[in-house]
Amino acid sequence: MIRLNNIFVKFDQFEALRDINVHVKEGQFYTFLGPSGCGKTTTLRTITGFIEPSSGSVLMRDQDITHVPIEKRNIGIVFQSYALFPTMTVYDNIAFGLKIKKFSKSDIKRKVTEIASKVDLTDEHLQKAVSQLSGGQQQRVAIARALVTEPAIICMDEPLSNLDAKLRVQLRNELKKMQREFGITTIYVTHDQEEALTLSDCISVFNKGVIEQTGSPNEIYNHSSTEFVANFIGDINKLEPAITSALNLPENQNHFIRLERIRVELESDSGFDGIIESQEYYGLYIKYYIHTNGQTLKVIEKNDGINLYSTGDSVKVIINPDDIMSYQA
């Protein structure tokens, strides 16, 4: 569907992207994930045509679009700020792209009404000015405007970042549902790991202008290929020498383990002696801070309402070496 081949982007002497290779398949929800300034938005803007690469090529369905103007790429775009016209009605905002393409009034009305219904915008919403809508409703307008011209692909740049936490989770679920219903290929930019893991079919993790790893959410989380990815995705423990030496792990590597991979028991013939320092109660699970072998480990245990530990409890901390991810120091 979309291929980036050996993309380099330079701004004067600054190399913003270095040898970026991406293959987005038809109908896929593909996420560019990484911290601020890592190159994910620059990559998105290269796909949409706002940035022309210094070298490399952009292909859509095997057609080279590297030098094709933005308006001829048939790509829908949802910006972080939504980029809506605040004094125009919702109807006119959604219809804007159709008017530019010189659709008839009857076709515009039909298409706007259809897409509005699909994103849960009512006839009443359509007559309001965008400035009268909530953040969540404005996001739906931005998505509707991007989809109404029936683009081959839709690109979204941090579309949920301006919303409060509760609404962000709600709209995240709606976004995935809409994407599945429309079946449209989607490229999504975010710095939010949870957002990426829950929405994506495939993720590319960016760091300082390069892609550190590409894979499914499970591959990225459970089989992080670099130390950067292991630390950036979710929460993790770095094991100190006292533990790594007891487990006979190589000294020239850094060793990490996810919180939920560590087992805690009151009594066991194996494992390390530990003391519960504190705990955080989340309902579905409890996060324990356990002091063992000179360091404090974070551990997540499923909340079964029975096997609960208290501050000061002596426990056994059990680590399976197969669950450890190791990287060259």
Protein backbone atom coordinates (compact mmCIF):
# COMPACT_ATOMS: atom_id res chain seq x y z
CA MET A 1 0.00 0.00 0.00
CA ILE A 2 2.56 2.56 1.19
CA ARG A 3 6.30 1.99 1.03
CA LEU A 4 9.09 4.23 2.20
CA ASN A 5 12.38 3.18 0.69
CA ASN A 6 15.63 4.43 2.24
CA ILE A 7 14.21 7.84 3.18
CA PHE A 8 16.65 10.53 4.33
CA VAL A 9 15.50 14.02 5.33
CA LYS A 10 17.88 16.88 6.07
CA PHE A 11 17.18 20.42 7.24
CA ASP A 12 20.40 22.31 6.44
CA GLN A 13 23.03 20.29 8.34
CA PHE A 14 20.55 18.52 10.61
CA GLU A 15 19.67 14.95 9.60
CA ALA A 16 16.06 14.53 10.74
CA LEU A 17 15.54 11.06 9.22
CA ARG A 18 18.11 8.44 8.39
CA ASP A 19 17.44 5.42 6.16
CA ILE A 20 13.74 5.02 6.98
CA ASN A 21 12.09 1.92 5.49
CA VAL A 22 8.39 1.29 6.11
CA HIS A 23 5.79 -0.98 4.50
CA VAL A 24 2.17 -0.23 5.40
CA LYS A 25 -0.22 -2.93 4.15
CA GLU A 26 -3.73 -2.37 2.82
CA GLY A 27 -6.27 -1.89 5.63
CA GLN A 28 -3.61 -1.82 8.33
CA PHE A 29 -3.56 0.43 11.39
CA TYR A 30 0.12 1.37 11.45
CA THR A 31 1.60 3.54 14.21
CA PHE A 32 4.74 5.66 14.36
CA LEU A 33 5.69 5.75 18.05
CA GLY A 34 8.42 7.64 19.85
CA PRO A 35 9.34 10.61 22.04
CA SER A 36 9.17 14.24 20.90
CA GLY A 37 11.68 15.11 18.20
CA CYS A 38 12.34 11.49 17.16
CA GLY A 39 11.24 11.87 13.54
CA LYS A 40 7.78 10.28 13.54
CA THR A 41 5.89 13.42 12.45
CA THR A 42 8.59 14.23 9.87
CA THR A 43 8.03 10.76 8.42
CA LEU A 44 4.27 11.33 8.30
CA ARG A 45 4.77 14.70 6.58
CA THR A 46 7.03 13.00 4.05
CA ILE A 47 4.23 10.55 3.23
CA THR A 48 1.62 13.30 2.90
CA GLY A 49 3.88 15.52 0.78
CA PHE A 50 4.53 18.41 3.14
CA ILE A 51 8.21 17.41 3.20
CA GLU A 52 10.26 16.22 0.23
CA PRO A 53 12.99 13.76 1.20
CA SER A 54 16.66 14.47 0.52
CA SER A 55 16.86 10.96 -0.91
CA GLY A 56 14.75 7.83 -1.07
CA SER A 57 11.27 7.22 -2.46
CA VAL A 58 7.62 7.14 -1.38
CA LEU A 59 5.43 4.58 -3.16
CA MET A 60 1.65 4.18 -3.02
CA ARG A 61 0.35 0.98 -4.58
CA ASP A 62 3.68 0.67 -6.41
CA GLN A 63 3.36 4.16 -7.90
CA ASP A 64 6.16 6.62 -7.05
CA ILE A 65 4.56 9.67 -5.40
CA THR A 66 7.77 11.16 -3.97
CA HIS A 67 7.33 14.37 -6.00
CA VAL A 68 3.54 14.33 -6.39
CA PRO A 69 1.83 17.46 -4.91
CA ILE A 70 -0.07 17.08 -1.63
CA GLU A 71 -3.50 17.62 -3.17
CA LYS A 72 -2.98 14.84 -5.73
CA ARG A 73 -1.90 12.10 -3.33
CA ASN A 74 -5.42 11.07 -2.26
CA ILE A 75 -4.40 11.05 1.41
CA GLY A 76 -6.70 12.25 4.19
CA ILE A 77 -5.02 14.11 7.06
CA VAL A 78 -6.10 14.71 10.66
CA PHE A 79 -3.81 17.24 12.33
CA GLN A 80 -3.00 17.46 16.04
CA SER A 81 -4.84 20.80 16.26
CA TYR A 82 -7.59 19.44 13.92
CA ALA A 83 -7.03 22.57 11.71
CA LEU A 84 -10.78 23.18 11.48
CA PHE A 85 -12.36 26.49 10.47
CA PRO A 86 -13.82 27.68 13.81
CA THR A 87 -16.38 30.17 12.42
CA MET A 88 -17.70 27.81 9.75
CA THR A 89 -20.42 25.27 10.39
CA VAL A 90 -19.61 21.62 10.89
CA TYR A 91 -21.31 20.93 7.56
CA ASP A 92 -19.10 23.40 5.69
CA ASN A 93 -15.96 22.08 7.40
CA ILE A 94 -16.70 18.53 6.29
CA ALA A 95 -17.76 19.68 2.83
CA PHE A 96 -14.65 21.82 2.28
CA GLY A 97 -12.58 19.19 0.43
CA LEU A 98 -15.55 18.18 -1.73
CA LYS A 99 -16.10 21.80 -2.77
CA ILE A 100 -12.43 22.12 -3.71
CA LYS A 101 -12.85 19.01 -5.88
CA LYS A 102 -15.95 20.65 -7.44
CA PHE A 103 -18.51 18.04 -6.48
CA SER A 104 -22.15 18.96 -7.15
CA LYS A 105 -24.25 20.35 -4.29
CA SER A 106 -26.41 17.23 -4.21
CA ASP A 107 -23.37 14.92 -4.05
CA ILE A 108 -21.80 17.07 -1.33
CA LYS A 109 -24.98 16.94 0.77
CA ARG A 110 -25.27 13.18 0.35
CA LYS A 111 -21.62 12.49 1.18
CA VAL A 112 -21.51 14.86 4.18
CA THR A 113 -24.73 13.41 5.62
CA GLU A 114 -23.46 9.84 5.19
CA ILE A 115 -20.06 10.41 6.77
CA ALA A 116 -21.54 12.48 9.61
CA SER A 117 -23.85 9.61 10.50
CA LYS A 118 -20.94 7.16 10.52
CA VAL A 119 -18.98 9.25 13.04
CA ASP A 120 -22.07 9.96 15.22
CA LEU A 121 -22.59 13.59 14.25
CA THR A 122 -26.28 14.56 14.09
CA ASP A 123 -28.06 17.01 11.75
CA GLU A 124 -28.09 19.39 14.71
CA HIS A 125 -24.30 19.14 15.00
CA LEU A 126 -23.92 19.86 11.28
CA GLN A 127 -25.58 23.27 11.64
CA LYS A 128 -23.41 24.39 14.56
CA ALA A 129 -20.17 26.35 14.33
CA VAL A 130 -17.15 24.19 15.13
CA SER A 131 -16.32 26.50 18.05
CA GLN A 132 -19.55 25.40 19.75
CA LEU A 133 -18.50 21.75 19.87
CA SER A 134 -16.65 19.79 22.54
CA GLY A 135 -13.12 18.52 21.93
CA GLY A 136 -14.40 15.03 21.21
CA GLN A 137 -16.98 16.30 18.71
CA GLN A 138 -14.34 18.43 16.98
CA GLN A 139 -12.17 15.34 16.63
CA ARG A 140 -15.03 13.55 14.90
CA VAL A 141 -15.46 16.49 12.53
CA ALA A 142 -11.75 16.35 11.66
CA ILE A 143 -12.00 12.61 10.96
CA ALA A 144 -15.17 13.06 8.91
CA ARG A 145 -13.54 15.81 6.84
CA ALA A 146 -10.55 13.55 6.19
CA LEU A 147 -12.72 10.57 5.19
CA VAL A 148 -15.43 12.26 3.12
CA THR A 149 -13.26 12.53 0.00
CA GLU A 150 -12.72 8.75 0.18
CA PRO A 151 -8.93 8.84 0.40
CA ALA A 152 -6.82 5.74 -0.15
CA ILE A 153 -5.18 6.31 3.20
CA ILE A 154 -5.65 8.48 6.27
CA CYS A 155 -2.80 9.97 8.31
CA MET A 156 -3.33 11.15 11.89
CA ASP A 157 -0.83 13.23 13.83
CA GLU A 158 -1.45 12.89 17.61
CA PRO A 159 -5.22 13.44 17.16
CA LEU A 160 -6.07 12.66 20.80
CA SER A 161 -3.32 14.60 22.56
CA ASN A 162 -5.45 17.70 23.23
CA LEU A 163 -8.17 15.77 25.06
CA ASP A 164 -8.49 14.89 28.73
CA ALA A 165 -7.50 11.38 29.82
CA LYS A 166 -11.01 9.90 30.10
CA LEU A 167 -12.15 11.24 26.72
CA ARG A 168 -8.88 10.12 25.15
CA VAL A 169 -9.53 6.50 26.15
CA GLN A 170 -13.15 6.69 24.98
CA LEU A 171 -12.27 8.15 21.58
CA ARG A 172 -9.35 5.76 21.19
CA ASN A 173 -11.81 2.88 21.28
CA GLU A 174 -14.14 4.67 18.85
CA LEU A 175 -11.24 5.44 16.52
CA LYS A 176 -10.27 1.78 16.24
CA LYS A 177 -13.90 0.78 15.73
CA MET A 178 -14.31 3.36 12.95
CA GLN A 179 -11.08 2.27 11.29
CA ARG A 180 -12.25 -1.34 11.23
CA GLU A 181 -15.68 -0.39 9.87
CA PHE A 182 -14.25 1.82 7.12
CA GLY A 183 -11.42 -0.62 6.43
CA ILE A 184 -9.21 2.30 5.54
CA THR A 185 -5.44 2.13 5.76
CA THR A 186 -4.38 4.35 8.67
CA ILE A 187 -1.02 5.78 9.68
CA TYR A 188 -1.06 7.15 13.21
CA VAL A 189 1.54 9.21 15.05
CA THR A 190 1.72 9.18 18.86
CA HIS A 191 4.13 9.38 21.78
CA ASP A 192 1.68 7.44 23.98
CA GLN A 193 2.77 3.80 24.37
CA GLU A 194 -0.60 2.58 25.64
CA GLU A 195 -2.35 4.25 22.71
CA ALA A 196 0.03 2.56 20.27
CA LEU A 197 -0.31 -0.89 21.85
CA THR A 198 -4.12 -0.83 21.96
CA LEU A 199 -4.77 0.63 18.50
CA SER A 200 -2.10 -0.80 16.24
CA ASP A 201 -1.70 -3.76 13.94
CA CYS A 202 1.93 -2.76 13.45
CA ILE A 203 4.25 -0.27 15.21
CA SER A 204 7.50 1.40 14.20
CA VAL A 205 9.40 2.78 17.20
CA PHE A 206 11.41 5.88 16.34
CA ASN A 207 14.45 7.27 18.14
CA LYS A 208 16.65 10.17 16.97
CA GLY A 209 15.65 9.93 13.34
CA VAL A 210 15.91 6.16 12.92
CA ILE A 211 13.51 3.23 13.40
CA GLU A 212 14.66 1.07 16.31
CA GLN A 213 12.12 -1.71 15.75
CA THR A 214 9.05 -2.56 13.69
CA GLY A 215 6.61 -5.26 14.72
CA SER A 216 3.25 -6.18 16.21
CA PRO A 217 2.35 -4.76 19.64
CA ASN A 218 3.25 -8.14 21.19
CA GLU A 219 6.64 -8.22 19.46
CA ILE A 220 7.43 -4.66 20.46
CA TYR A 221 6.45 -5.24 24.10
CA ASN A 222 7.57 -8.81 24.81
CA HIS A 223 10.48 -9.06 22.39
CA SER A 224 11.96 -5.55 22.37
CA SER A 225 14.92 -5.66 19.99
CA THR A 226 16.88 -2.76 21.56
CA GLU A 227 17.41 -1.35 25.02
CA PHE A 228 15.72 1.89 23.95
CA VAL A 229 12.53 0.07 22.93
CA ALA A 230 12.52 -2.01 26.12
CA ASN A 231 12.68 1.14 28.24
CA PHE A 232 10.32 3.24 26.14
CA ILE A 233 7.49 0.69 25.90
CA GLY A 234 5.66 0.23 29.17
CA ASP A 235 7.39 -0.13 32.54
CA ILE A 236 10.40 -2.34 33.18
CA ASN A 237 13.03 -3.29 35.77
CA LYS A 238 16.75 -3.07 35.08
CA LEU A 239 18.43 -5.84 37.05
CA GLU A 240 21.46 -4.92 39.14
CA PRO A 241 24.66 -7.03 39.37
CA ALA A 242 23.72 -8.84 42.60
CA ILE A 243 20.71 -10.39 40.87
CA THR A 244 22.27 -10.90 37.43
CA SER A 245 25.31 -12.68 38.89
CA ALA A 246 23.08 -14.95 40.99
CA LEU A 247 21.22 -15.85 37.79
CA ASN A 248 24.52 -16.42 35.94
CA LEU A 249 23.74 -13.77 33.32
CA PRO A 250 26.55 -12.28 31.15
CA GLU A 251 28.34 -9.36 32.81
CA ASN A 252 28.83 -7.44 29.57
CA GLN A 253 25.09 -7.02 29.00
CA ASN A 254 22.28 -4.97 30.53
CA HIS A 255 19.36 -7.11 31.68
CA PHE A 256 15.68 -6.13 31.97
CA ILE A 257 12.44 -7.79 33.01
CA ARG A 258 8.81 -6.65 32.72
CA LEU A 259 6.89 -6.10 35.95
CA GLU A 260 4.28 -8.81 35.32
CA ARG A 261 6.95 -11.44 34.56
CA ILE A 262 8.17 -11.54 38.18
CA ARG A 263 6.35 -13.90 40.54
CA VAL A 264 5.84 -13.23 44.25
CA GLU A 265 5.10 -15.94 46.82
CA LEU A 266 5.07 -16.04 50.60
CA GLU A 267 7.01 -19.28 50.66
CA SER A 268 9.07 -20.98 48.00
CA ASP A 269 12.11 -23.23 47.75
CA SER A 270 13.51 -20.96 45.02
CA GLY A 271 13.83 -17.23 44.38
CA PHE A 272 15.28 -14.27 46.24
CA ASP A 273 14.32 -13.11 49.72
CA GLY A 274 12.43 -9.83 49.55
CA ILE A 275 10.57 -7.31 51.69
CA ILE A 276 7.47 -5.43 50.53
CA GLU A 277 8.41 -1.72 50.73
CA SER A 278 5.10 -0.31 49.46
CA GLN A 279 2.23 -1.00 47.14
CA GLU A 280 -0.08 0.83 44.75
CA TYR A 281 -3.66 -0.43 44.41
CA TYR A 282 -5.15 -0.20 40.89
CA GLY A 283 -8.16 -2.49 41.26
CA LEU A 284 -7.45 -5.01 38.51
CA TYR A 285 -3.88 -5.36 39.72
CA ILE A 286 -1.52 -4.24 42.49
CA LYS A 287 1.95 -2.85 41.92
CA TYR A 288 4.40 -3.86 44.64
CA TYR A 289 7.79 -2.32 45.36
CA ILE A 290 9.97 -5.12 46.72
CA HIS A 291 13.48 -4.73 48.11
CA THR A 292 15.67 -7.69 47.27
CA ASN A 293 19.41 -8.20 46.75
CA GLY A 294 20.28 -4.54 47.09
CA GLN A 295 17.66 -3.10 44.72
CA THR A 296 13.95 -2.34 44.60
CA LEU A 297 11.96 -4.23 41.98
CA LYS A 298 8.55 -3.19 40.70
CA VAL A 299 6.16 -6.13 40.41
CA ILE A 300 2.58 -6.32 39.13
CA GLU A 301 0.33 -8.99 40.61
CA LYS A 302 -3.24 -9.73 39.51
CA ASN A 303 -5.69 -8.71 42.22
CA ASP A 304 -7.53 -11.88 43.21
CA GLY A 305 -8.71 -10.35 46.49
CA ILE A 306 -7.03 -13.17 48.45
CA ASN A 307 -3.26 -13.22 48.01
CA LEU A 308 -2.53 -9.64 49.02
CA TYR A 309 0.73 -8.49 50.60
CA SER A 310 1.31 -5.68 53.08
CA THR A 311 4.22 -3.36 53.69
CA GLY A 312 6.88 -5.20 55.66
CA ASP A 313 5.86 -8.69 54.54
CA SER A 314 8.68 -11.12 53.79
CA VAL A 315 8.25 -12.74 50.38
CA LYS A 316 10.07 -14.77 47.77
CA VAL A 317 10.80 -13.06 44.45
CA ILE A 318 10.97 -15.55 41.58
CA ILE A 319 12.57 -14.62 38.24
CA ASN A 320 12.61 -16.94 35.25
CA PRO A 321 15.75 -16.22 33.17
CA ASP A 322 13.69 -16.92 30.02
CA ASP A 323 11.67 -13.75 30.75
CA ILE A 324 14.73 -11.50 30.83
CA MET A 325 15.58 -9.27 27.85
CA SER A 326 19.32 -8.63 27.51
CA TYR A 327 21.26 -6.07 25.48
CA GLN A 328 24.94 -5.38 24.90
CA ALA A 329 26.22 -2.88 27.46
